[in-house]
Protein backbone atom coordinates (compact mmCIF):
# COMPACT_ATOMS: atom_id res chain seq x y z
CA MET A 1 36.09 -16.21 2.05
CA CYS A 2 36.60 -13.93 -1.29
CA ALA A 3 36.23 -9.60 -0.85
CA CYS A 4 34.68 -7.86 -2.30
CA ALA A 5 32.98 -4.08 -2.66
CA ALA A 6 31.26 -3.25 -0.50
CA CYS A 7 27.03 -3.44 -1.01
CA GLU A 8 24.89 -1.24 1.10
CA THR A 9 21.92 -3.03 2.10
CA ALA A 10 19.78 -3.66 4.97
CA PHE A 11 17.26 -7.02 6.40
CA THR A 12 14.98 -7.93 9.11
CA VAL A 13 16.67 -7.89 12.36
CA PHE A 14 14.75 -10.68 14.54
CA ALA A 15 16.05 -11.43 18.55
CA ASP A 16 18.44 -13.98 17.97
CA PHE A 17 20.86 -12.17 16.01
CA GLU A 18 21.35 -8.93 18.77
CA ASP A 19 22.80 -12.08 20.72
CA TYR A 20 25.26 -12.97 17.56
CA SER A 21 28.86 -13.88 18.60
CA GLY A 22 30.11 -15.50 16.20
CA GLY A 23 29.82 -17.80 13.24
CA VAL A 24 27.61 -17.73 10.79
CA TYR A 25 23.88 -16.96 11.51
CA ARG A 26 20.92 -18.14 10.46
CA HIS A 27 17.36 -17.16 12.45
CA VAL A 28 16.60 -19.67 15.13
CA THR A 29 14.51 -18.56 17.75
CA GLY A 30 12.22 -14.86 17.97
CA GLY A 31 10.37 -12.16 16.38
CA VAL A 32 11.17 -9.82 14.34
CA VAL A 33 12.57 -6.50 16.04
CA GLY A 34 13.50 -4.99 13.58
CA GLY A 35 15.25 -3.78 10.12
CA HIS A 36 19.30 -2.81 9.80
CA SER A 37 21.61 -1.70 7.22
CA VAL A 38 24.84 -3.10 6.84
CA LYS A 39 27.37 -3.00 4.68
CA LEU A 40 28.07 -6.63 3.13
CA VAL A 41 31.77 -6.52 2.02
CA GLY A 42 32.81 -10.33 0.93
CA TRP A 43 31.07 -13.46 0.72
CA GLY A 44 31.76 -17.33 1.20
CA VAL A 45 30.92 -20.85 2.53
CA GLU A 46 31.71 -22.68 5.74
CA GLN A 47 30.67 -26.17 6.09
CA GLY A 48 29.01 -26.14 2.98
CA VAL A 49 26.72 -23.08 3.78
CA LYS A 50 27.16 -20.22 2.06
CA TYR A 51 27.59 -16.78 3.16
CA TRP A 52 27.98 -13.39 3.62
CA ARG A 53 30.04 -11.20 5.44
CA ALA A 54 29.10 -7.71 6.66
CA ALA A 55 30.37 -4.78 8.93
CA ASN A 56 28.14 -3.58 11.25
CA SER A 57 27.48 -0.09 12.94
CA TRP A 58 27.18 -1.22 16.47
CA ASN A 59 30.78 -1.44 17.82
CA PRO A 60 34.21 -3.65 17.03
CA TYR A 61 33.44 -5.40 20.44
CA TRP A 62 30.44 -7.31 19.39
CA GLY A 63 30.32 -10.12 16.75
CA GLU A 64 34.00 -10.90 15.07
CA ASN A 65 35.65 -7.77 15.39
CA GLY A 66 32.17 -5.88 14.64
CA TYR A 67 31.27 -7.57 11.52
CA PHE A 68 28.68 -11.69 10.94
CA ARG A 69 28.43 -13.77 9.07
CA ILE A 70 25.12 -14.71 7.16
CA ALA A 71 24.20 -17.67 5.67
CA MET A 72 22.99 -16.15 2.70
CA GLY A 73 18.73 -15.88 1.90
CA GLN A 74 18.19 -14.75 5.66
CA GLY A 75 16.49 -11.73 6.55
CA SER A 76 15.99 -10.83 3.56
CA ILE A 77 19.47 -9.86 3.31
CA ASP A 78 20.85 -10.23 -0.31
CA ALA A 79 17.43 -9.40 -1.72
CA GLU A 80 18.06 -5.67 -2.82
CA CYS A 81 22.14 -5.99 -3.41
CA ILE A 82 23.57 -5.26 -6.49
CA ALA A 83 26.96 -5.01 -7.21
CA SER A 84 29.37 -5.36 -9.78
CA ALA A 85 32.68 -7.03 -9.64
CA THR A 86 35.63 -5.12 -8.08
CA GLY A 87 38.00 -5.17 -11.74
CA ALA A 88 35.17 -4.42 -13.70
CA THR A 89 35.23 -1.60 -16.53
CA TYR A 90 32.41 0.22 -17.68
CA ARG A 91 32.62 1.99 -21.38
CA GLN A 92 29.92 5.02 -22.77
CA LYS A 93 27.77 4.32 -24.56
CA GLY A 94 28.49 7.35 -26.78
CA PRO A 95 26.88 11.09 -26.92
CA PRO A 96 24.20 11.44 -25.47
CA SER A 97 21.47 11.87 -27.14
CA PRO A 98 19.73 15.44 -27.04
CA PRO A 99 17.09 16.12 -25.03
CA PRO A 100 13.19 16.30 -26.84
CA SER A 101 12.46 19.73 -28.39
CA PRO A 102 9.37 21.13 -26.68
CA THR A 103 6.35 20.95 -28.34
CA PRO A 104 4.71 24.29 -29.01
CA GLN A 105 1.33 24.92 -26.66
CA THR A 106 -1.48 26.44 -26.67
CA CYS A 107 -2.39 27.86 -23.14
CA GLU A 108 -5.10 25.17 -22.85
CA ASN A 109 -2.95 22.57 -23.43
CA ALA A 110 -0.07 24.16 -21.09
CA MET A 111 -2.72 24.25 -18.49
CA GLN A 112 -4.31 20.52 -18.99
CA TYR A 113 -0.24 19.73 -18.95
CA TRP A 114 0.53 21.24 -15.76
CA CYS A 115 -1.98 21.63 -14.01
CA GLY A 116 -4.75 18.87 -15.11
CA GLY A 117 -5.65 16.52 -12.18
CA PHE A 118 -6.44 20.45 -10.89
CA TYR A 119 -8.92 21.96 -13.21
CA ASP A 120 -12.27 22.77 -12.17
CA GLN A 121 -11.13 22.98 -8.52
CA GLY A 122 -11.16 26.46 -7.48
CA ASN A 123 -8.29 28.16 -5.14
CA LEU A 124 -6.12 24.58 -5.81
CA CYS A 125 -6.05 24.96 -9.48
CA LEU A 126 -4.89 28.74 -9.38
CA SER A 127 -2.19 27.54 -6.49
CA CYS A 128 -0.49 25.17 -9.36
CA LEU A 129 -1.43 27.13 -11.89
CA ALA A 130 0.66 30.21 -10.35
CA SER A 131 3.45 27.73 -9.39
CA ARG A 132 3.90 27.35 -13.24
CA GLY A 133 3.61 30.78 -14.27
CA GLY A 134 6.33 30.91 -16.95
CA GLU A 135 5.03 28.43 -18.66
CA LEU A 136 1.53 29.26 -19.00
CA GLU A 137 3.06 32.99 -19.93
CA ALA A 138 4.91 31.38 -22.43
CA ALA A 139 2.31 29.36 -24.76
CA GLY A 140 0.46 32.74 -23.63
CA CYS A 141 -1.89 32.02 -21.19
CA THR A 142 -3.22 35.00 -19.55
CA PRO A 143 -5.15 35.77 -16.40
CA ASN A 144 -8.22 35.05 -17.17
CA ASP A 145 -7.81 31.94 -19.06
CA GLU A 146 -6.19 30.90 -15.61
CA LEU A 147 -9.51 31.56 -14.57
CA GLU A 148 -11.95 30.12 -16.40
CA PHE A 149 -9.78 26.94 -16.57
CA CYS A 150 -9.97 26.54 -12.91
CA GLY A 151 -13.91 26.97 -12.94
CA ILE A 152 -13.94 30.39 -11.14
CA GLY A 153 -16.02 33.29 -12.87
CA ARG A 154 -17.64 30.80 -15.03
CA SER A 155 -21.41 31.04 -14.88
CA PRO A 156 -23.10 28.22 -14.12
CA PRO A 157 -24.76 26.51 -17.66
CA THR A 158 -28.30 28.02 -17.92
CA PRO A 159 -30.32 25.31 -17.73
CA THR A 160 -32.95 25.39 -20.82
CA PRO A 161 -36.62 24.94 -19.65
CA THR A 162 -38.62 22.39 -20.39
CA LEU A 163 -42.15 22.51 -21.27
CA PRO A 164 -45.23 20.11 -21.12
CA PRO A 165 -46.41 18.30 -23.34
CA GLY A 166 -49.38 19.40 -25.40
């Protein structure tokens, strides 16, 4: 068996896993009973079957002294585990890029950027704008701008009269 850096993962638990007492587990009978998170601590091959070795949290008397071996691919245990070799080294690519400079915004652009999804929705829109008070003030917004953006106090459009033909 090969030891590796620990990798936390989750897998689908089937009913027969609860009765595991040793060896390389492979689902045989029973339905799904839930999901479980474990820590992968190694891998190996036994009788041609590749497996993961995992630390379980149930107790040290369960399985193989609190650990178990599970065939790779069982219960999707290896679907989301990303790890590196224990001797891996990393280097920084260089200094981080400076953040982009803020684009000068007009009041209308600022309101659209922060709360455009609530445009013309009354109090919901005002709540959104209130949470962005400092940004809107910096963009030159006034309370009247905010009310108009949210559709409060705006007169409905005057219908254009239609004249009968003739």
